N, C-alpha and C. Protein backbone atom coordinates (compact mmCIF):
# COMPACT_ATOMS: atom_id res chain seq x y z
N UNK A 1 -24.25 4.64 41.95
CA UNK A 1 -24.29 6.08 41.83
C UNK A 1 -23.64 6.52 40.51
N UNK A 2 -22.50 5.88 40.18
CA UNK A 2 -21.81 6.25 38.96
C UNK A 2 -22.65 5.90 37.73
N UNK A 3 -23.37 4.77 37.81
CA UNK A 3 -24.21 4.37 36.69
C UNK A 3 -25.33 5.36 36.46
N UNK A 4 -25.91 5.86 37.55
CA UNK A 4 -27.01 6.82 37.44
C UNK A 4 -26.51 8.10 36.80
N UNK A 5 -25.33 8.56 37.22
CA UNK A 5 -24.76 9.78 36.63
C UNK A 5 -24.42 9.56 35.16
N UNK A 6 -23.90 8.40 34.83
CA UNK A 6 -23.55 8.09 33.45
C UNK A 6 -24.81 8.08 32.58
N UNK A 7 -25.85 7.43 33.08
CA UNK A 7 -27.10 7.37 32.32
C UNK A 7 -27.70 8.76 32.15
N UNK A 8 -27.64 9.55 33.20
CA UNK A 8 -28.16 10.92 33.13
C UNK A 8 -27.35 11.75 32.14
N UNK A 9 -26.04 11.56 32.14
CA UNK A 9 -25.18 12.30 31.20
C UNK A 9 -25.48 11.92 29.76
N UNK A 10 -25.66 10.63 29.50
CA UNK A 10 -25.99 10.18 28.15
C UNK A 10 -27.36 10.71 27.73
N UNK A 11 -28.31 10.71 28.63
CA UNK A 11 -29.65 11.21 28.32
C UNK A 11 -29.62 12.70 28.02
N UNK A 12 -28.85 13.46 28.77
CA UNK A 12 -28.75 14.90 28.53
C UNK A 12 -28.06 15.18 27.19
N UNK A 13 -27.05 14.40 26.90
CA UNK A 13 -26.34 14.58 25.64
C UNK A 13 -27.27 14.28 24.46
N UNK A 14 -28.02 13.21 24.57
CA UNK A 14 -28.96 12.85 23.52
C UNK A 14 -30.04 13.91 23.37
N UNK A 15 -30.52 14.43 24.48
CA UNK A 15 -31.56 15.46 24.45
C UNK A 15 -31.04 16.72 23.80
N UNK A 16 -29.84 17.15 24.20
CA UNK A 16 -29.27 18.36 23.62
C UNK A 16 -28.87 18.15 22.16
N UNK A 17 -28.38 16.98 21.86
CA UNK A 17 -27.99 16.67 20.48
C UNK A 17 -29.19 16.61 19.56
N UNK A 18 -30.30 16.16 20.05
CA UNK A 18 -31.51 16.07 19.25
C UNK A 18 -32.08 17.43 18.91
N UNK A 19 -31.82 18.41 19.73
CA UNK A 19 -32.32 19.76 19.50
C UNK A 19 -31.41 20.57 18.58
N UNK A 20 -30.20 20.08 18.34
CA UNK A 20 -29.24 20.83 17.55
C UNK A 20 -29.59 20.78 16.07
N UNK A 21 -29.04 21.71 15.32
CA UNK A 21 -29.22 21.76 13.88
C UNK A 21 -28.37 20.66 13.26
N UNK A 22 -28.98 19.76 12.50
CA UNK A 22 -28.25 18.63 11.95
C UNK A 22 -27.71 18.88 10.54
N UNK A 23 -27.99 20.03 9.96
CA UNK A 23 -27.51 20.33 8.61
C UNK A 23 -26.00 20.35 8.56
N UNK A 24 -25.39 21.02 9.53
CA UNK A 24 -23.93 21.09 9.57
C UNK A 24 -23.35 19.70 9.80
N UNK A 25 -23.99 18.92 10.62
CA UNK A 25 -23.52 17.56 10.88
C UNK A 25 -23.62 16.70 9.62
N UNK A 26 -24.71 16.84 8.89
CA UNK A 26 -24.88 16.08 7.65
C UNK A 26 -23.83 16.49 6.62
N UNK A 27 -23.53 17.78 6.53
CA UNK A 27 -22.49 18.24 5.60
C UNK A 27 -21.13 17.69 6.01
N UNK A 28 -20.87 17.68 7.28
CA UNK A 28 -19.60 17.15 7.78
C UNK A 28 -19.47 15.66 7.47
N UNK A 29 -20.54 14.92 7.67
CA UNK A 29 -20.53 13.48 7.37
C UNK A 29 -20.34 13.26 5.87
N UNK A 30 -20.98 14.07 5.06
CA UNK A 30 -20.84 13.95 3.60
C UNK A 30 -19.41 14.24 3.18
N UNK A 31 -18.81 15.28 3.77
CA UNK A 31 -17.41 15.61 3.46
C UNK A 31 -16.48 14.48 3.87
N UNK A 32 -16.72 13.94 5.05
CA UNK A 32 -15.88 12.83 5.51
C UNK A 32 -16.06 11.60 4.62
N UNK A 33 -17.28 11.35 4.19
CA UNK A 33 -17.52 10.22 3.29
C UNK A 33 -16.77 10.40 1.98
N UNK A 34 -16.79 11.62 1.45
CA UNK A 34 -16.05 11.90 0.22
C UNK A 34 -14.55 11.70 0.41
N UNK A 35 -14.05 12.13 1.55
CA UNK A 35 -12.62 11.96 1.83
C UNK A 35 -12.26 10.48 1.96
N UNK A 36 -13.12 9.72 2.60
CA UNK A 36 -12.88 8.28 2.75
C UNK A 36 -12.89 7.60 1.38
N UNK A 37 -13.84 7.99 0.53
CA UNK A 37 -13.89 7.43 -0.82
C UNK A 37 -12.63 7.75 -1.61
N UNK A 38 -12.16 9.01 -1.49
CA UNK A 38 -10.94 9.42 -2.19
C UNK A 38 -9.74 8.64 -1.66
N UNK A 39 -9.65 8.48 -0.35
CA UNK A 39 -8.54 7.73 0.22
C UNK A 39 -8.59 6.26 -0.20
N UNK A 40 -9.78 5.70 -0.29
CA UNK A 40 -9.91 4.31 -0.75
C UNK A 40 -9.43 4.17 -2.18
N UNK A 41 -9.77 5.13 -3.01
CA UNK A 41 -9.31 5.10 -4.40
C UNK A 41 -7.79 5.24 -4.47
N UNK A 42 -7.24 6.13 -3.64
CA UNK A 42 -5.78 6.31 -3.61
C UNK A 42 -5.09 5.03 -3.15
N UNK A 43 -5.63 4.37 -2.15
CA UNK A 43 -5.03 3.13 -1.65
C UNK A 43 -5.08 2.06 -2.74
N UNK A 44 -6.19 1.98 -3.44
CA UNK A 44 -6.29 0.99 -4.53
C UNK A 44 -5.26 1.27 -5.61
N UNK A 45 -5.09 2.54 -5.97
CA UNK A 45 -4.11 2.90 -6.99
C UNK A 45 -2.70 2.58 -6.51
N UNK A 46 -2.41 2.86 -5.25
CA UNK A 46 -1.08 2.56 -4.71
C UNK A 46 -0.82 1.06 -4.65
N UNK A 47 -1.83 0.28 -4.32
CA UNK A 47 -1.66 -1.18 -4.31
C UNK A 47 -1.37 -1.69 -5.71
N UNK A 48 -2.07 -1.16 -6.68
CA UNK A 48 -1.85 -1.57 -8.07
C UNK A 48 -0.43 -1.20 -8.50
N UNK A 49 -0.03 0.02 -8.17
CA UNK A 49 1.33 0.48 -8.54
C UNK A 49 2.39 -0.35 -7.83
N UNK A 50 2.17 -0.68 -6.57
CA UNK A 50 3.13 -1.50 -5.83
C UNK A 50 3.23 -2.89 -6.44
N UNK A 51 2.12 -3.44 -6.87
CA UNK A 51 2.14 -4.75 -7.52
C UNK A 51 2.94 -4.72 -8.82
N UNK A 52 2.77 -3.65 -9.59
CA UNK A 52 3.52 -3.50 -10.84
C UNK A 52 5.01 -3.36 -10.56
N UNK A 53 5.36 -2.59 -9.54
CA UNK A 53 6.77 -2.40 -9.19
C UNK A 53 7.37 -3.72 -8.73
N UNK A 54 6.63 -4.49 -7.96
CA UNK A 54 7.13 -5.79 -7.50
C UNK A 54 7.35 -6.73 -8.68
N UNK A 55 6.43 -6.71 -9.66
CA UNK A 55 6.59 -7.55 -10.84
C UNK A 55 7.81 -7.11 -11.65
N UNK A 56 8.00 -5.80 -11.79
CA UNK A 56 9.17 -5.29 -12.52
C UNK A 56 10.47 -5.66 -11.81
N UNK A 57 10.47 -5.59 -10.49
CA UNK A 57 11.67 -5.95 -9.73
C UNK A 57 11.98 -7.44 -9.89
N UNK A 58 10.95 -8.26 -9.90
CA UNK A 58 11.15 -9.71 -10.08
C UNK A 58 11.71 -10.00 -11.46
N UNK A 59 11.19 -9.30 -12.47
CA UNK A 59 11.69 -9.50 -13.83
C UNK A 59 13.14 -9.02 -13.96
N UNK A 60 13.46 -7.90 -13.32
CA UNK A 60 14.83 -7.39 -13.36
C UNK A 60 15.79 -8.35 -12.66
N UNK A 61 15.35 -8.95 -11.56
CA UNK A 61 16.19 -9.91 -10.85
C UNK A 61 16.44 -11.14 -11.72
N UNK A 62 15.40 -11.60 -12.40
CA UNK A 62 15.56 -12.76 -13.28
C UNK A 62 16.52 -12.43 -14.43
N UNK A 63 16.40 -11.24 -14.99
CA UNK A 63 17.29 -10.83 -16.07
C UNK A 63 18.74 -10.74 -15.58
N UNK A 64 18.92 -10.24 -14.37
CA UNK A 64 20.27 -10.14 -13.81
C UNK A 64 20.86 -11.52 -13.57
N UNK A 65 20.05 -12.45 -13.10
CA UNK A 65 20.53 -13.81 -12.88
C UNK A 65 20.90 -14.47 -14.21
N UNK A 66 20.10 -14.25 -15.24
CA UNK A 66 20.41 -14.79 -16.56
C UNK A 66 21.72 -14.21 -17.10
N UNK A 67 21.89 -12.91 -16.92
CA UNK A 67 23.11 -12.26 -17.39
C UNK A 67 24.32 -12.79 -16.63
N UNK A 68 24.17 -13.00 -15.34
CA UNK A 68 25.27 -13.53 -14.54
C UNK A 68 25.63 -14.94 -14.99
N UNK A 69 24.64 -15.77 -15.26
CA UNK A 69 24.90 -17.13 -15.73
C UNK A 69 25.58 -17.11 -17.09
N UNK A 70 25.13 -16.23 -17.97
CA UNK A 70 25.74 -16.12 -19.30
C UNK A 70 27.18 -15.64 -19.20
N UNK A 71 27.44 -14.69 -18.31
CA UNK A 71 28.81 -14.20 -18.11
C UNK A 71 29.71 -15.32 -17.58
N UNK A 72 29.20 -16.11 -16.66
CA UNK A 72 29.99 -17.23 -16.13
C UNK A 72 30.29 -18.24 -17.24
N UNK A 73 29.29 -18.52 -18.07
CA UNK A 73 29.49 -19.46 -19.16
C UNK A 73 30.54 -18.93 -20.14
N UNK A 74 30.48 -17.64 -20.44
CA UNK A 74 31.47 -17.04 -21.34
C UNK A 74 32.87 -17.07 -20.73
N UNK A 75 32.97 -16.81 -19.45
CA UNK A 75 34.28 -16.85 -18.78
C UNK A 75 34.84 -18.28 -18.79
N UNK A 76 33.99 -19.25 -18.57
CA UNK A 76 34.45 -20.65 -18.61
C UNK A 76 34.96 -21.02 -20.00
N UNK A 77 34.26 -20.56 -21.05
CA UNK A 77 34.72 -20.83 -22.41
C UNK A 77 36.08 -20.19 -22.66
N UNK A 78 36.24 -18.94 -22.20
CA UNK A 78 37.53 -18.25 -22.38
C UNK A 78 38.64 -18.94 -21.61
N UNK A 79 38.33 -19.42 -20.42
CA UNK A 79 39.33 -20.15 -19.64
C UNK A 79 39.75 -21.43 -20.36
N UNK A 80 38.80 -22.13 -20.95
CA UNK A 80 39.12 -23.34 -21.70
C UNK A 80 39.97 -23.05 -22.93
N UNK A 81 39.68 -21.97 -23.62
CA UNK A 81 40.47 -21.59 -24.79
C UNK A 81 41.89 -21.22 -24.35
N UNK A 82 42.00 -20.46 -23.28
CA UNK A 82 43.31 -20.01 -22.81
C UNK A 82 44.15 -21.18 -22.32
N UNK A 83 43.53 -22.15 -21.68
CA UNK A 83 44.32 -23.29 -21.16
C UNK A 83 44.73 -24.23 -22.28
N UNK A 84 43.98 -24.30 -23.38
CA UNK A 84 44.34 -25.21 -24.46
C UNK A 84 45.29 -24.54 -25.47
N UNK A 85 45.46 -23.25 -25.41
CA UNK A 85 46.33 -22.54 -26.34
C UNK A 85 47.77 -22.61 -25.89
N UNK A 86 48.68 -23.02 -26.76
CA UNK A 86 50.11 -23.07 -26.44
C UNK A 86 50.87 -22.47 -27.61
N UNK A 87 51.93 -21.77 -27.30
CA UNK A 87 52.76 -21.18 -28.35
C UNK A 87 53.69 -22.20 -28.90
């Protein structure tokens, strides 16, 4: 019984939908397609920007590690000079 009602409901919907004016529906679909295209472009731009930010962060981390190593090396040299110096 439920299947018969479901089939009848789908048939009535299709019948009524077929009689409706499709111009507004086509405009709506076109607008949605444009919005989807714009969102796709925005997502691509954001992915590109995120990739650049990640690369910049990686480079900054490497530079910080190099600076830290250089500072340690300089401190070790100063410690050696201070320990070998006597009045």
